[in-house]
Amino acid sequence: MKNSIAIFTISAVLAVTSCKKTDSQNAQINAEEVKAPEKFVIDSVNFSDSTKINNLLSLKYEAKMLVFPSIKDKSLLDSIYYDKKGIVDFSKQGLQTFLDKDKNEYFNSVKGKDNSWINDVARAQTWETGSFMKLKSNTNNFLQIEYFYSSYEGGAHGNYGFAERVFDLKTNKKVELKDITTMPKARLEALLTKNINKIPSGTTDSQGAVKNSDMLLIEAIPANENFYFDDKNLYFHYSPYEIAAYAAGDIVIPVSWEELKSTLTPQFKERIKIN
């Protein structure tokens, strides 16, 4: 009888110990499963180099590329770097290597031109090309990036332009205008025309500030794909010569959420918390 009691006692102790161990293991497993989400990291690569063609002409190459170590989807990365074809390594070192190759191609393209063009260089000057990525925002899983391009190859002035792109980090796709609003083209064009002077370009003449509308080259302002947004407006960005004279510079036209309210898609309204 005493032996039976002893065996029962030992079994009970082992059972309790086993349960505690199992509970501890389960707690550890659960803790591993409920890990904090990976922090979204943004880095950048800055690149600048120059070379001399002859005593009158030098070349300069500049670039800034954002780096997204947290993004693994290749199709999304291809879309983010849509203007840089042939990237196979999206790491910081990979983008650095790509820019060095891109720079060499630019330098060689100028050096490879027919020598007769050198006679057109009447004074010492530097020809330049540049491309720069800028983070506009990263909220509600919408990544917004501005792309700026500049170049100069002689003449009275250089050229520059902008591109705006919004990426949905939930779907790993570029956001299209139809994902935001269903407003008909004609109605949206009317709103853009009405709002064109809301953000001044900063252009002045002898009479003072010049309105954006005074420098238009077209009658109807199209809703382009260069858009971005914040908590108040949807903004359309136009580069020089796109809708107005070069003197107007780049033009940004806001359209408020209130103006678009009845046409906003339910999914978009939910994502950015528009009532």
C-alpha atoms as a PDB file:
ATOM      1  CA  MET A   1       0.000   0.000   0.000  1.00  0.00           C
ATOM      2  CA  LYS A   2       2.828   2.388   0.900  1.00  0.00           C
ATOM      3  CA  ASN A   3       4.570   1.577  -2.376  1.00  0.00           C
ATOM      4  CA  SER A   4       1.369   2.407  -4.317  1.00  0.00           C
ATOM      5  CA  ILE A   5       1.064   5.758  -2.569  1.00  0.00           C
ATOM      6  CA  ALA A   6       4.719   6.567  -3.320  1.00  0.00           C
ATOM      7  CA  ILE A   7       4.314   5.691  -7.005  1.00  0.00           C
ATOM      8  CA  PHE A   8       1.161   7.808  -7.224  1.00  0.00           C
ATOM      9  CA  THR A   9       2.926  10.772  -5.590  1.00  0.00           C
ATOM     10  CA  ILE A  10       5.914  10.573  -7.951  1.00  0.00           C
ATOM     11  CA  SER A  11       3.601  10.325 -10.989  1.00  0.00           C
ATOM     12  CA  ALA A  12       1.638  13.367  -9.858  1.00  0.00           C
ATOM     13  CA  VAL A  13       4.820  15.403  -9.401  1.00  0.00           C
ATOM     14  CA  LEU A  14       6.067  14.364 -12.847  1.00  0.00           C
ATOM     15  CA  ALA A  15       2.705  15.239 -14.403  1.00  0.00           C
ATOM     16  CA  VAL A  16       2.697  18.707 -12.812  1.00  0.00           C
ATOM     17  CA  THR A  17       6.316  19.290 -13.863  1.00  0.00           C
ATOM     18  CA  SER A  18       5.508  18.128 -17.391  1.00  0.00           C
ATOM     19  CA  CYS A  19       2.493  20.471 -17.578  1.00  0.00           C
ATOM     20  CA  LYS A  20       4.555  23.420 -16.404  1.00  0.00           C
ATOM     21  CA  LYS A  21       7.236  22.622 -18.977  1.00  0.00           C
ATOM     22  CA  THR A  22       4.632  22.313 -21.736  1.00  0.00           C
ATOM     23  CA  ASP A  23       3.008  25.595 -20.693  1.00  0.00           C
ATOM     24  CA  SER A  24       6.416  27.272 -20.720  1.00  0.00           C
ATOM     25  CA  GLN A  25       7.192  25.883 -24.191  1.00  0.00           C
ATOM     26  CA  ASN A  26       3.803  27.004 -25.525  1.00  0.00           C
ATOM     27  CA  ALA A  27       4.320  30.489 -24.088  1.00  0.00           C
ATOM     28  CA  GLN A  28       7.708  30.653 -25.801  1.00  0.00           C
ATOM     29  CA  ILE A  29       6.225  29.507 -29.114  1.00  0.00           C
ATOM     30  CA  ASN A  30       3.369  32.006 -28.829  1.00  0.00           C
ATOM     31  CA  ALA A  31       5.838  34.784 -28.045  1.00  0.00           C
ATOM     32  CA  GLU A  32       7.809  33.893 -31.181  1.00  0.00           C
ATOM     33  CA  GLU A  33       4.640  33.853 -33.283  1.00  0.00           C
ATOM     34  CA  VAL A  34       3.565  37.290 -32.058  1.00  0.00           C
ATOM     35  CA  LYS A  35       6.702  39.079 -33.124  1.00  0.00           C
ATOM     36  CA  ALA A  36       6.580  42.816 -33.736  1.00  0.00           C
ATOM     37  CA  PRO A  37       6.174  43.635 -37.438  1.00  0.00           C
ATOM     38  CA  GLU A  38       9.389  44.359 -39.310  1.00  0.00           C
ATOM     39  CA  LYS A  39      10.278  48.020 -39.209  1.00  0.00           C
ATOM     40  CA  PHE A  40       9.969  49.701 -42.609  1.00  0.00           C
ATOM     41  CA  VAL A  41      13.466  50.921 -43.435  1.00  0.00           C
ATOM     42  CA  ILE A  42      14.341  53.621 -45.971  1.00  0.00           C
ATOM     43  CA  ASP A  43      17.922  54.384 -46.965  1.00  0.00           C
ATOM     44  CA  SER A  44      19.475  56.241 -49.902  1.00  0.00           C
ATOM     45  CA  VAL A  45      22.411  56.249 -52.310  1.00  0.00           C
ATOM     46  CA  ASN A  46      23.940  59.556 -53.402  1.00  0.00           C
ATOM     47  CA  PHE A  47      26.182  59.518 -56.456  1.00  0.00           C
ATOM     48  CA  SER A  48      28.162  62.273 -58.178  1.00  0.00           C
ATOM     49  CA  ASP A  49      30.975  62.187 -60.720  1.00  0.00           C
ATOM     50  CA  SER A  50      32.417  64.363 -63.488  1.00  0.00           C
ATOM     51  CA  THR A  51      34.847  64.157 -66.380  1.00  0.00           C
ATOM     52  CA  LYS A  52      36.518  66.552 -68.791  1.00  0.00           C
ATOM     53  CA  ILE A  53      36.000  66.130 -72.534  1.00  0.00           C
ATOM     54  CA  ASN A  54      38.321  68.972 -73.604  1.00  0.00           C
ATOM     55  CA  ASN A  55      39.318  72.461 -72.488  1.00  0.00           C
ATOM     56  CA  LEU A  56      35.835  73.807 -73.194  1.00  0.00           C
ATOM     57  CA  LEU A  57      33.545  71.020 -72.112  1.00  0.00           C
ATOM     58  CA  SER A  58      33.077  69.024 -68.904  1.00  0.00           C
ATOM     59  CA  LEU A  59      30.375  66.514 -67.996  1.00  0.00           C
ATOM     60  CA  LYS A  60      28.673  66.023 -64.639  1.00  0.00           C
ATOM     61  CA  TYR A  61      26.465  63.150 -63.503  1.00  0.00           C
ATOM     62  CA  GLU A  62      24.409  63.249 -60.303  1.00  0.00           C
ATOM     63  CA  ALA A  63      21.829  60.910 -58.842  1.00  0.00           C
ATOM     64  CA  LYS A  64      20.035  60.062 -55.628  1.00  0.00           C
ATOM     65  CA  MET A  65      18.155  56.808 -55.275  1.00  0.00           C
ATOM     66  CA  LEU A  66      16.073  55.713 -52.317  1.00  0.00           C
ATOM     67  CA  VAL A  67      16.724  52.216 -51.009  1.00  0.00           C
ATOM     68  CA  PHE A  68      13.987  50.010 -49.514  1.00  0.00           C
ATOM     69  CA  PRO A  69      15.515  46.957 -47.751  1.00  0.00           C
ATOM     70  CA  SER A  70      12.085  46.025 -46.339  1.00  0.00           C
ATOM     71  CA  ILE A  71      10.491  45.580 -49.792  1.00  0.00           C
ATOM     72  CA  LYS A  72      11.039  42.093 -51.221  1.00  0.00           C
ATOM     73  CA  ASP A  73       8.451  42.023 -54.032  1.00  0.00           C
ATOM     74  CA  LYS A  74      10.401  42.297 -57.310  1.00  0.00           C
ATOM     75  CA  SER A  75       7.467  43.574 -59.370  1.00  0.00           C
ATOM     76  CA  LEU A  76       6.968  46.382 -56.874  1.00  0.00           C
ATOM     77  CA  LEU A  77      10.689  47.217 -56.900  1.00  0.00           C
ATOM     78  CA  ASP A  78      10.661  47.244 -60.713  1.00  0.00           C
ATOM     79  CA  SER A  79       7.773  49.720 -60.564  1.00  0.00           C
ATOM     80  CA  ILE A  80       9.536  51.923 -58.003  1.00  0.00           C
ATOM     81  CA  TYR A  81      12.662  52.064 -60.192  1.00  0.00           C
ATOM     82  CA  TYR A  82      10.660  52.239 -63.417  1.00  0.00           C
ATOM     83  CA  ASP A  83      13.012  54.852 -64.901  1.00  0.00           C
ATOM     84  CA  LYS A  84      16.157  52.764 -64.365  1.00  0.00           C
ATOM     85  CA  LYS A  85      16.025  49.690 -66.571  1.00  0.00           C
ATOM     86  CA  GLY A  86      18.208  46.672 -65.932  1.00  0.00           C
ATOM     87  CA  ILE A  87      18.546  46.735 -62.138  1.00  0.00           C
ATOM     88  CA  VAL A  88      18.987  43.181 -60.831  1.00  0.00           C
ATOM     89  CA  ASP A  89      20.267  43.960 -57.326  1.00  0.00           C
ATOM     90  CA  PHE A  90      18.088  46.352 -55.311  1.00  0.00           C
ATOM     91  CA  SER A  91      20.420  46.499 -52.307  1.00  0.00           C
ATOM     92  CA  LYS A  92      22.301  49.692 -51.484  1.00  0.00           C
ATOM     93  CA  GLN A  93      25.501  48.297 -53.000  1.00  0.00           C
ATOM     94  CA  GLY A  94      23.597  47.012 -56.027  1.00  0.00           C
ATOM     95  CA  LEU A  95      22.089  50.436 -56.739  1.00  0.00           C
ATOM     96  CA  GLN A  96      25.494  52.078 -56.249  1.00  0.00           C
ATOM     97  CA  THR A  97      26.949  49.712 -58.841  1.00  0.00           C
ATOM     98  CA  PHE A  98      24.078  50.411 -61.227  1.00  0.00           C
ATOM     99  CA  LEU A  99      24.567  54.196 -60.973  1.00  0.00           C
ATOM    100  CA  ASP A 100      28.276  53.853 -61.708  1.00  0.00           C
ATOM    101  CA  LYS A 101      27.409  51.894 -64.858  1.00  0.00           C
ATOM    102  CA  ASP A 102      24.719  54.417 -65.822  1.00  0.00           C
ATOM    103  CA  LYS A 103      27.209  57.254 -65.375  1.00  0.00           C
ATOM    104  CA  ASN A 104      29.758  55.566 -67.644  1.00  0.00           C
ATOM    105  CA  GLU A 105      27.113  55.079 -70.334  1.00  0.00           C
ATOM    106  CA  TYR A 106      26.214  58.789 -70.174  1.00  0.00           C
ATOM    107  CA  PHE A 107      29.839  59.897 -70.404  1.00  0.00           C
ATOM    108  CA  ASN A 108      30.531  57.520 -73.310  1.00  0.00           C
ATOM    109  CA  SER A 109      27.390  58.613 -75.166  1.00  0.00           C
ATOM    110  CA  VAL A 110      28.653  62.205 -75.250  1.00  0.00           C
ATOM    111  CA  LYS A 111      32.236  61.247 -76.054  1.00  0.00           C
ATOM    112  CA  GLY A 112      30.986  59.044 -78.876  1.00  0.00           C
ATOM    113  CA  LYS A 113      29.210  61.832 -80.728  1.00  0.00           C
ATOM    114  CA  ASP A 114      30.509  63.112 -84.076  1.00  0.00           C
ATOM    115  CA  ASN A 115      33.368  65.551 -83.378  1.00  0.00           C
ATOM    116  CA  SER A 116      31.672  68.304 -85.369  1.00  0.00           C
ATOM    117  CA  TRP A 117      29.462  69.137 -82.373  1.00  0.00           C
ATOM    118  CA  ILE A 118      32.531  70.306 -80.443  1.00  0.00           C
ATOM    119  CA  ASN A 119      32.713  73.346 -82.725  1.00  0.00           C
ATOM    120  CA  ASP A 120      29.371  74.489 -81.325  1.00  0.00           C
ATOM    121  CA  VAL A 121      30.867  74.847 -77.835  1.00  0.00           C
ATOM    122  CA  ALA A 122      31.875  78.512 -77.937  1.00  0.00           C
ATOM    123  CA  ARG A 123      32.787  78.921 -74.277  1.00  0.00           C
ATOM    124  CA  ALA A 124      33.747  76.756 -71.354  1.00  0.00           C
ATOM    125  CA  GLN A 125      30.689  75.006 -69.943  1.00  0.00           C
ATOM    126  CA  THR A 126      29.542  71.920 -68.071  1.00  0.00           C
ATOM    127  CA  TRP A 127      26.860  69.637 -69.405  1.00  0.00           C
ATOM    128  CA  GLU A 128      24.886  67.887 -66.717  1.00  0.00           C
ATOM    129  CA  THR A 129      22.372  65.133 -66.161  1.00  0.00           C
ATOM    130  CA  GLY A 130      20.677  64.329 -62.880  1.00  0.00           C
ATOM    131  CA  SER A 131      17.947  62.134 -61.431  1.00  0.00           C
ATOM    132  CA  PHE A 132      16.776  62.340 -57.843  1.00  0.00           C
ATOM    133  CA  MET A 133      14.237  60.393 -55.781  1.00  0.00           C
ATOM    134  CA  LYS A 134      12.522  62.056 -52.824  1.00  0.00           C
ATOM    135  CA  LEU A 135      10.209  60.493 -50.255  1.00  0.00           C
ATOM    136  CA  LYS A 136       6.975  62.489 -50.065  1.00  0.00           C
ATOM    137  CA  SER A 137       5.297  60.359 -47.397  1.00  0.00           C
ATOM    138  CA  ASN A 138       4.732  56.855 -46.097  1.00  0.00           C
ATOM    139  CA  THR A 139       1.367  56.718 -44.315  1.00  0.00           C
ATOM    140  CA  ASN A 140      -1.526  54.239 -44.297  1.00  0.00           C
ATOM    141  CA  ASN A 141       0.712  51.855 -46.270  1.00  0.00           C
ATOM    142  CA  PHE A 142       0.847  54.307 -49.167  1.00  0.00           C
ATOM    143  CA  LEU A 143       4.418  55.037 -50.241  1.00  0.00           C
ATOM    144  CA  GLN A 144       4.642  58.319 -52.176  1.00  0.00           C
ATOM    145  CA  ILE A 145       7.785  59.176 -54.138  1.00  0.00           C
ATOM    146  CA  GLU A 146       8.740  62.223 -56.182  1.00  0.00           C
ATOM    147  CA  TYR A 147      11.200  61.829 -59.073  1.00  0.00           C
ATOM    148  CA  PHE A 148      13.083  64.897 -60.295  1.00  0.00           C
ATOM    149  CA  TYR A 149      15.089  64.976 -63.527  1.00  0.00           C
ATOM    150  CA  SER A 150      17.405  67.688 -64.814  1.00  0.00           C
ATOM    151  CA  SER A 151      19.711  68.117 -67.775  1.00  0.00           C
ATOM    152  CA  TYR A 152      21.746  70.740 -69.573  1.00  0.00           C
ATOM    153  CA  GLU A 153      23.457  70.389 -72.955  1.00  0.00           C
ATOM    154  CA  GLY A 154      24.082  73.962 -73.985  1.00  0.00           C
ATOM    155  CA  GLY A 155      21.542  76.618 -74.887  1.00  0.00           C
ATOM    156  CA  ALA A 156      19.866  79.350 -72.893  1.00  0.00           C
ATOM    157  CA  HIS A 157      18.755  77.111 -70.052  1.00  0.00           C
ATOM    158  CA  GLY A 158      18.583  73.530 -68.872  1.00  0.00           C
ATOM    159  CA  ASN A 159      15.523  71.319 -68.719  1.00  0.00           C
ATOM    160  CA  TYR A 160      13.862  69.642 -65.778  1.00  0.00           C
ATOM    161  CA  GLY A 161      10.769  67.643 -64.994  1.00  0.00           C
ATOM    162  CA  PHE A 162       8.907  65.778 -62.270  1.00  0.00           C
ATOM    163  CA  ALA A 163       7.155  62.462 -61.883  1.00  0.00           C
ATOM    164  CA  GLU A 164       4.986  61.479 -58.921  1.00  0.00           C
ATOM    165  CA  ARG A 165       4.178  57.868 -58.068  1.00  0.00           C
ATOM    166  CA  VAL A 166       2.144  56.342 -55.249  1.00  0.00           C
ATOM    167  CA  PHE A 167       2.595  52.685 -54.263  1.00  0.00           C
ATOM    168  CA  ASP A 168       0.211  50.553 -52.224  1.00  0.00           C
ATOM    169  CA  LEU A 169       2.352  48.482 -49.852  1.00  0.00           C
ATOM    170  CA  LYS A 170      -0.632  46.220 -49.082  1.00  0.00           C
ATOM    171  CA  THR A 171      -1.136  45.105 -52.679  1.00  0.00           C
ATOM    172  CA  ASN A 172       2.441  45.771 -53.900  1.00  0.00           C
ATOM    173  CA  LYS A 173       1.105  47.787 -56.842  1.00  0.00           C
ATOM    174  CA  LYS A 174       1.309  51.319 -58.174  1.00  0.00           C
ATOM    175  CA  VAL A 175      -1.829  53.315 -57.376  1.00  0.00           C
ATOM    176  CA  GLU A 176      -3.766  54.485 -60.440  1.00  0.00           C
ATOM    177  CA  LEU A 177      -6.134  57.455 -60.514  1.00  0.00           C
ATOM    178  CA  LYS A 178      -9.091  55.081 -60.969  1.00  0.00           C
ATOM    179  CA  ASP A 179      -8.208  53.533 -57.592  1.00  0.00           C
ATOM    180  CA  ILE A 180      -8.948  56.903 -55.969  1.00  0.00           C
ATOM    181  CA  THR A 181     -11.795  58.525 -57.876  1.00  0.00           C
ATOM    182  CA  THR A 182     -14.405  57.654 -60.480  1.00  0.00           C
ATOM    183  CA  MET A 183     -14.994  61.291 -61.458  1.00  0.00           C
ATOM    184  CA  PRO A 184     -15.533  61.655 -65.230  1.00  0.00           C
ATOM    185  CA  LYS A 185     -12.668  63.177 -67.205  1.00  0.00           C
ATOM    186  CA  ALA A 186     -14.544  66.362 -68.171  1.00  0.00           C
ATOM    187  CA  ARG A 187     -15.561  67.143 -64.579  1.00  0.00           C
ATOM    188  CA  LEU A 188     -12.032  66.608 -63.288  1.00  0.00           C
ATOM    189  CA  GLU A 189     -10.591  68.826 -66.036  1.00  0.00           C
ATOM    190  CA  ALA A 190     -13.056  71.546 -65.029  1.00  0.00           C
ATOM    191  CA  LEU A 191     -11.903  71.333 -61.400  1.00  0.00           C
ATOM    192  CA  LEU A 192      -8.240  71.524 -62.412  1.00  0.00           C
ATOM    193  CA  THR A 193      -8.940  74.604 -64.533  1.00  0.00           C
ATOM    194  CA  LYS A 194     -10.849  76.222 -61.658  1.00  0.00           C
ATOM    195  CA  ASN A 195      -8.074  75.510 -59.136  1.00  0.00           C
ATOM    196  CA  ILE A 196      -5.014  76.273 -61.263  1.00  0.00           C
ATOM    197  CA  ASN A 197      -4.118  79.462 -59.389  1.00  0.00           C
ATOM    198  CA  LYS A 198      -4.512  78.062 -55.877  1.00  0.00           C
ATOM    199  CA  ILE A 199      -0.779  77.331 -55.589  1.00  0.00           C
ATOM    200  CA  PRO A 200       1.243  80.181 -57.197  1.00  0.00           C
ATOM    201  CA  SER A 201       4.236  79.210 -59.316  1.00  0.00           C
ATOM    202  CA  GLY A 202       6.255  82.117 -57.974  1.00  0.00           C
ATOM    203  CA  THR A 203       6.706  83.665 -61.415  1.00  0.00           C
ATOM    204  CA  THR A 204       6.852  87.473 -61.510  1.00  0.00           C
ATOM    205  CA  ASP A 205       7.257  90.198 -64.104  1.00  0.00           C
ATOM    206  CA  SER A 206       7.396  93.989 -64.001  1.00  0.00           C
ATOM    207  CA  GLN A 207       3.778  94.013 -62.835  1.00  0.00           C
ATOM    208  CA  GLY A 208       4.396  91.590 -59.977  1.00  0.00           C
ATOM    209  CA  ALA A 209       3.143  88.010 -59.567  1.00  0.00           C
ATOM    210  CA  VAL A 210       1.940  86.259 -62.719  1.00  0.00           C
ATOM    211  CA  LYS A 211      -1.016  83.876 -62.503  1.00  0.00           C
ATOM    212  CA  ASN A 212      -0.541  80.296 -63.670  1.00  0.00           C
ATOM    213  CA  SER A 213      -3.648  80.680 -65.829  1.00  0.00           C
ATOM    214  CA  ASP A 214      -1.982  83.526 -67.759  1.00  0.00           C
ATOM    215  CA  MET A 215       0.748  81.204 -69.029  1.00  0.00           C
ATOM    216  CA  LEU A 216      -1.327  78.222 -70.127  1.00  0.00           C
ATOM    217  CA  LEU A 217      -0.514  76.626 -73.477  1.00  0.00           C
ATOM    218  CA  ILE A 218      -3.693  74.516 -73.627  1.00  0.00           C
ATOM    219  CA  GLU A 219      -7.384  75.101 -73.060  1.00  0.00           C
ATOM    220  CA  ALA A 220      -8.270  71.990 -71.047  1.00  0.00           C
ATOM    221  CA  ILE A 221      -5.948  70.787 -68.293  1.00  0.00           C
ATOM    222  CA  PRO A 222      -5.750  66.983 -68.346  1.00  0.00           C
ATOM    223  CA  ALA A 223      -5.617  64.915 -65.178  1.00  0.00           C
ATOM    224  CA  ASN A 224      -2.177  63.366 -65.565  1.00  0.00           C
ATOM    225  CA  GLU A 225      -0.749  60.382 -63.694  1.00  0.00           C
ATOM    226  CA  ASN A 226       1.686  62.570 -61.734  1.00  0.00           C
ATOM    227  CA  PHE A 227      -0.403  62.832 -58.596  1.00  0.00           C
ATOM    228  CA  TYR A 228       0.074  62.529 -54.845  1.00  0.00           C
ATOM    229  CA  PHE A 229      -2.105  63.325 -51.828  1.00  0.00           C
ATOM    230  CA  ASP A 230      -2.248  64.321 -48.188  1.00  0.00           C
ATOM    231  CA  ASP A 231      -5.080  64.567 -45.655  1.00  0.00           C
ATOM    232  CA  LYS A 232      -6.635  67.556 -47.445  1.00  0.00           C
ATOM    233  CA  ASN A 233      -6.109  67.292 -51.192  1.00  0.00           C
ATOM    234  CA  LEU A 234      -5.233  65.269 -54.232  1.00  0.00           C
ATOM    235  CA  TYR A 235      -2.427  67.107 -56.067  1.00  0.00           C
ATOM    236  CA  PHE A 236      -1.586  67.008 -59.783  1.00  0.00           C
ATOM    237  CA  HIS A 237       1.975  67.965 -60.706  1.00  0.00           C
ATOM    238  CA  TYR A 238       2.880  69.351 -64.151  1.00  0.00           C
ATOM    239  CA  SER A 239       6.407  69.828 -65.491  1.00  0.00           C
ATOM    240  CA  PRO A 240       7.530  72.857 -67.566  1.00  0.00           C
ATOM    241  CA  TYR A 241       5.978  72.930 -71.053  1.00  0.00           C
ATOM    242  CA  GLU A 242       3.431  70.261 -70.075  1.00  0.00           C
ATOM    243  CA  ILE A 243       0.548  72.723 -69.735  1.00  0.00           C
ATOM    244  CA  ALA A 244       2.223  76.141 -69.495  1.00  0.00           C
ATOM    245  CA  ALA A 245       5.195  78.146 -70.722  1.00  0.00           C
ATOM    246  CA  TYR A 246       8.658  77.318 -69.388  1.00  0.00           C
ATOM    247  CA  ALA A 247       8.671  80.576 -67.429  1.00  0.00           C
ATOM    248  CA  ALA A 248       5.821  79.248 -65.299  1.00  0.00           C
ATOM    249  CA  GLY A 249       8.046  76.463 -64.007  1.00  0.00           C
ATOM    250  CA  ASP A 250       6.377  73.366 -62.642  1.00  0.00           C
ATOM    251  CA  ILE A 251       2.748  73.758 -61.562  1.00  0.00           C
ATOM    252  CA  VAL A 252       0.905  71.913 -58.808  1.00  0.00           C
ATOM    253  CA  ILE A 253      -2.910  71.971 -58.793  1.00  0.00           C
ATOM    254  CA  PRO A 254      -4.836  70.786 -55.712  1.00  0.00           C
ATOM    255  CA  VAL A 255      -8.288  69.209 -55.782  1.00  0.00           C
ATOM    256  CA  SER A 256      -9.815  68.878 -52.324  1.00  0.00           C
ATOM    257  CA  TRP A 257     -11.341  65.687 -50.971  1.00  0.00           C
ATOM    258  CA  GLU A 258     -14.537  67.645 -50.501  1.00  0.00           C
ATOM    259  CA  GLU A 259     -14.645  68.379 -54.238  1.00  0.00           C
ATOM    260  CA  LEU A 260     -14.053  64.680 -54.981  1.00  0.00           C
ATOM    261  CA  LYS A 261     -16.077  63.282 -52.094  1.00  0.00           C
ATOM    262  CA  SER A 262     -19.003  61.759 -53.971  1.00  0.00           C
ATOM    263  CA  THR A 263     -16.662  60.009 -56.431  1.00  0.00           C
ATOM    264  CA  LEU A 264     -14.015  58.577 -54.094  1.00  0.00           C
ATOM    265  CA  THR A 265     -13.819  54.795 -54.111  1.00  0.00           C
ATOM    266  CA  PRO A 266     -14.985  53.140 -50.845  1.00  0.00           C
ATOM    267  CA  GLN A 267     -11.675  51.296 -50.428  1.00  0.00           C
ATOM    268  CA  PHE A 268      -9.642  54.495 -50.694  1.00  0.00           C
ATOM    269  CA  LYS A 269     -11.928  56.432 -48.331  1.00  0.00           C
ATOM    270  CA  GLU A 270     -11.541  53.696 -45.753  1.00  0.00           C
ATOM    271  CA  ARG A 271      -7.761  53.589 -46.078  1.00  0.00           C
ATOM    272  CA  ILE A 272      -7.168  57.313 -45.559  1.00  0.00           C
ATOM    273  CA  LYS A 273     -10.073  57.779 -43.126  1.00  0.00           C
ATOM    274  CA  ILE A 274     -12.193  60.252 -45.108  1.00  0.00           C
ATOM    275  CA  ASN A 275     -15.643  60.690 -43.563  1.00  0.00           C
END
